[in-house]
């Protein structure tokens, strides 16, 4: 939702921040892969030091590569469908790694599973529609999209470092509720879109 509403204001900031990467001649896929490596290293370190504050700050840096890869692609003219697909797959693995690490450290596997499944269903609810009809990638202004989830996790960890680990456990529960609520929001929109397309198909069939 944030990305959709503020995209035209946020994109120039990311493009300016991507200047060092563009000068280094990095490709968008290399930037995406670097983000995945940083997230995985941060999660592995978290299993050892178990500091929510440190994990949250490390993820704040690692997750910036989610936006910088797109900025590099636009500035270097290297946008591609394959790159978009790679980015989407990496996003899912990043969330899985982070939520699994949180579940492990806080022994909150039920909350972690609920959060991860909700996050994945948000993506699936849109991706599945594309198998039935052409859809735009921009007209899904939902409550708990990727950027909101990333901000939520980082803020949750920083607050947990200040007030105690119970923030993370309850935060995972709230994450799960928001994620599944957003998945249902997308499913409802998808159902309306598909019903409208069905009506158009029926009219077209009658006119043949």
Protein backbone atom coordinates (compact mmCIF):
# COMPACT_ATOMS: atom_id res chain seq x y z
CA UNK A 1 0.00 0.00 0.00
CA UNK A 2 2.80 2.44 0.90
CA UNK A 3 4.72 1.61 -2.26
CA UNK A 4 1.63 2.02 -4.42
CA UNK A 5 0.59 5.34 -2.90
CA UNK A 6 4.04 6.94 -2.64
CA UNK A 7 5.89 5.22 -5.49
CA UNK A 8 6.45 8.35 -7.56
CA UNK A 9 7.96 10.10 -4.54
CA UNK A 10 10.00 7.14 -3.23
CA UNK A 11 11.51 5.88 -6.51
CA UNK A 12 13.68 8.99 -7.11
CA UNK A 13 15.16 8.59 -3.63
CA UNK A 14 16.08 4.96 -4.28
CA UNK A 15 17.51 5.85 -7.67
CA UNK A 16 19.76 8.46 -6.07
CA UNK A 17 20.86 5.96 -3.40
CA UNK A 18 21.68 3.39 -6.09
CA UNK A 19 24.38 5.60 -7.66
CA UNK A 20 27.35 3.69 -6.15
CA UNK A 21 25.91 0.39 -7.40
CA UNK A 22 25.32 1.80 -10.87
CA UNK A 23 28.88 3.15 -11.00
CA UNK A 24 30.17 -0.26 -9.93
CA UNK A 25 28.34 -1.70 -12.97
CA UNK A 26 26.38 -4.17 -10.84
CA UNK A 27 23.41 -5.81 -12.50
CA UNK A 28 19.96 -5.80 -10.85
CA UNK A 29 20.18 -9.57 -10.28
CA UNK A 30 23.52 -9.16 -8.53
CA UNK A 31 22.01 -6.56 -6.22
CA UNK A 32 19.05 -8.86 -5.53
CA UNK A 33 21.38 -11.77 -4.76
CA UNK A 34 23.48 -9.56 -2.47
CA UNK A 35 20.36 -8.69 -0.51
CA UNK A 36 19.55 -12.38 -0.05
CA UNK A 37 23.09 -13.13 1.13
CA UNK A 38 22.96 -10.27 3.65
CA UNK A 39 19.60 -11.41 5.01
CA UNK A 40 20.86 -15.00 5.39
CA UNK A 41 24.07 -13.87 7.10
CA UNK A 42 22.08 -11.61 9.44
CA UNK A 43 19.77 -14.50 10.32
CA UNK A 44 22.68 -16.86 10.99
CA UNK A 45 24.34 -14.27 13.20
CA UNK A 46 21.03 -13.78 15.04
CA UNK A 47 20.93 -17.48 15.93
CA UNK A 48 24.24 -16.90 17.72
CA UNK A 49 23.95 -13.46 19.33
CA UNK A 50 20.14 -13.51 19.81
CA UNK A 51 19.92 -9.73 19.96
CA UNK A 52 16.62 -8.53 18.50
CA UNK A 53 17.95 -5.00 18.25
CA UNK A 54 21.04 -6.03 16.27
CA UNK A 55 18.96 -8.28 13.99
CA UNK A 56 16.47 -5.50 13.32
CA UNK A 57 19.21 -3.01 12.44
CA UNK A 58 21.01 -5.51 10.19
CA UNK A 59 17.77 -6.33 8.38
CA UNK A 60 17.06 -2.63 7.89
CA UNK A 61 20.24 -2.48 5.83
CA UNK A 62 19.83 -5.83 4.07
CA UNK A 63 16.25 -5.16 3.01
CA UNK A 64 17.22 -1.91 1.28
CA UNK A 65 18.53 -4.09 -1.56
CA UNK A 66 14.88 -4.96 -2.32
CA UNK A 67 14.40 -1.42 -3.58
CA UNK A 68 17.90 -0.79 -4.87
CA UNK A 69 17.74 -3.65 -7.39
CA UNK A 70 14.75 -2.03 -9.08
CA UNK A 71 16.46 1.35 -9.06
CA UNK A 72 19.57 -0.14 -10.67
CA UNK A 73 17.41 -1.86 -13.29
CA UNK A 74 15.68 1.40 -14.20
CA UNK A 75 18.87 3.46 -14.33
CA UNK A 76 20.82 0.92 -16.35
CA UNK A 77 17.93 -0.01 -18.64
CA UNK A 78 18.13 -3.64 -17.55
CA UNK A 79 14.54 -4.26 -16.46
CA UNK A 80 13.34 -7.71 -17.50
CA UNK A 81 10.62 -10.25 -16.77
CA UNK A 82 13.23 -12.77 -15.68
CA UNK A 83 14.70 -10.24 -13.25
CA UNK A 84 11.26 -9.49 -11.84
CA UNK A 85 10.62 -13.18 -11.33
CA UNK A 86 14.01 -13.67 -9.66
CA UNK A 87 13.34 -10.72 -7.36
CA UNK A 88 9.94 -12.11 -6.35
CA UNK A 89 11.39 -15.54 -5.56
CA UNK A 90 14.21 -14.01 -3.52
CA UNK A 91 11.65 -11.94 -1.57
CA UNK A 92 9.85 -15.13 -0.52
CA UNK A 93 13.07 -16.81 0.58
CA UNK A 94 14.12 -13.73 2.54
CA UNK A 95 10.87 -13.69 4.49
CA UNK A 96 11.07 -17.43 5.12
CA UNK A 97 14.63 -17.15 6.47
CA UNK A 98 13.77 -14.22 8.74
CA UNK A 99 10.56 -15.73 10.12
CA UNK A 100 12.24 -19.10 10.68
CA UNK A 101 15.07 -17.41 12.59
CA UNK A 102 12.58 -15.55 14.77
CA UNK A 103 10.60 -18.72 15.44
CA UNK A 104 13.81 -20.57 16.37
CA UNK A 105 15.22 -17.95 18.73
CA UNK A 106 11.91 -17.25 20.48
CA UNK A 107 10.58 -20.84 20.29
CA UNK A 108 7.46 -19.48 18.62
CA UNK A 109 6.98 -21.99 15.82
CA UNK A 110 3.19 -21.74 15.71
CA UNK A 111 3.33 -17.95 15.36
CA UNK A 112 6.15 -18.22 12.83
CA UNK A 113 4.21 -20.74 10.73
CA UNK A 114 1.09 -18.59 10.80
CA UNK A 115 3.10 -15.52 9.78
CA UNK A 116 4.96 -17.29 6.97
CA UNK A 117 1.84 -18.90 5.52
CA UNK A 118 -0.01 -15.58 5.54
CA UNK A 119 2.89 -13.85 3.82
CA UNK A 120 3.07 -16.48 1.08
CA UNK A 121 -0.71 -16.47 0.55
CA UNK A 122 -0.61 -12.73 -0.08
CA UNK A 123 1.62 -13.36 -3.08
CA UNK A 124 -0.27 -16.44 -4.22
CA UNK A 125 -3.62 -14.66 -4.15
CA UNK A 126 -2.39 -12.32 -6.88
CA UNK A 127 -0.17 -14.70 -8.80
CA UNK A 128 -2.95 -17.28 -9.21
CA UNK A 129 -5.25 -14.73 -10.84
CA UNK A 130 -2.66 -14.17 -13.57
CA UNK A 131 -3.17 -17.79 -14.65
CA UNK A 132 -6.84 -17.08 -15.31
CA UNK A 133 -6.75 -13.60 -16.87
CA UNK A 134 -4.32 -10.75 -17.67
CA UNK A 135 -3.77 -8.58 -14.59
CA UNK A 136 -1.88 -5.40 -13.83
CA UNK A 137 0.88 -5.60 -11.25
CA UNK A 138 0.09 -2.10 -9.97
CA UNK A 139 -3.59 -2.24 -9.02
CA UNK A 140 -3.31 -4.18 -5.78
CA UNK A 141 -3.22 -1.49 -3.04
CA UNK A 142 -3.53 -3.90 -0.14
CA UNK A 143 -2.96 -3.38 3.57
CA UNK A 144 0.09 -5.53 4.38
CA UNK A 145 2.21 -5.66 1.24
CA UNK A 146 5.92 -6.43 1.04
CA UNK A 147 7.16 -2.99 2.15
CA UNK A 148 4.77 -2.90 5.10
CA UNK A 149 5.89 -6.38 6.18
CA UNK A 150 9.57 -5.43 6.01
CA UNK A 151 9.02 -2.22 8.00
CA UNK A 152 6.91 -4.13 10.53
CA UNK A 153 9.60 -6.78 11.12
CA UNK A 154 12.43 -4.27 11.51
CA UNK A 155 10.43 -2.00 13.82
CA UNK A 156 9.19 -4.99 15.83
CA UNK A 157 12.76 -6.17 16.41
CA UNK A 158 14.03 -2.75 17.43
CA UNK A 159 11.15 -2.36 19.90
CA UNK A 160 11.79 -5.88 21.17
CA UNK A 161 15.40 -4.93 21.83
CA UNK A 162 14.16 -2.03 23.97
CA UNK A 163 11.17 -3.53 25.78
CA UNK A 164 11.82 -7.27 25.74
CA UNK A 165 11.39 -10.39 23.63
CA UNK A 166 7.65 -10.60 24.28
CA UNK A 167 7.28 -7.86 21.65
CA UNK A 168 8.57 -10.25 18.97
CA UNK A 169 6.33 -13.14 20.02
CA UNK A 170 3.19 -11.04 20.06
CA UNK A 171 4.41 -9.16 17.01
CA UNK A 172 4.57 -12.41 15.05
CA UNK A 173 0.96 -13.04 16.00
CA UNK A 174 -0.07 -9.59 14.79
CA UNK A 175 2.00 -10.12 11.64
CA UNK A 176 0.07 -13.33 10.99
CA UNK A 177 -3.30 -11.65 11.48
CA UNK A 178 -2.43 -8.77 9.16
CA UNK A 179 -0.96 -11.11 6.55
CA UNK A 180 -3.94 -13.45 6.44
CA UNK A 181 -6.31 -10.49 6.47
CA UNK A 182 -4.49 -9.05 3.45
CA UNK A 183 -4.53 -12.43 1.69
CA UNK A 184 -8.31 -12.55 2.14
CA UNK A 185 -8.55 -8.93 0.96
CA UNK A 186 -6.72 -9.89 -2.22
CA UNK A 187 -8.80 -13.02 -2.64
CA UNK A 188 -12.00 -10.96 -2.45
CA UNK A 189 -10.68 -8.54 -5.07
CA UNK A 190 -9.58 -11.44 -7.25
CA UNK A 191 -13.02 -13.04 -7.01
CA UNK A 192 -14.66 -9.82 -8.24
CA UNK A 193 -12.17 -9.47 -11.09
CA UNK A 194 -12.68 -13.07 -12.19
CA UNK A 195 -16.47 -12.79 -11.94
CA UNK A 196 -16.37 -9.69 -14.16
CA UNK A 197 -14.12 -11.50 -16.64
CA UNK A 198 -16.50 -14.47 -16.65
CA UNK A 199 -19.36 -12.13 -17.55
CA UNK A 200 -17.34 -10.62 -20.39
CA UNK A 201 -16.47 -14.09 -21.67
CA UNK A 202 -20.12 -15.15 -21.57
CA UNK A 203 -21.19 -12.04 -23.51
CA UNK A 204 -18.45 -12.68 -26.07
CA UNK A 205 -19.56 -16.30 -26.45
CA UNK A 206 -23.19 -15.25 -27.03
CA UNK A 207 -22.14 -12.75 -29.68
CA UNK A 208 -20.25 -15.36 -31.73
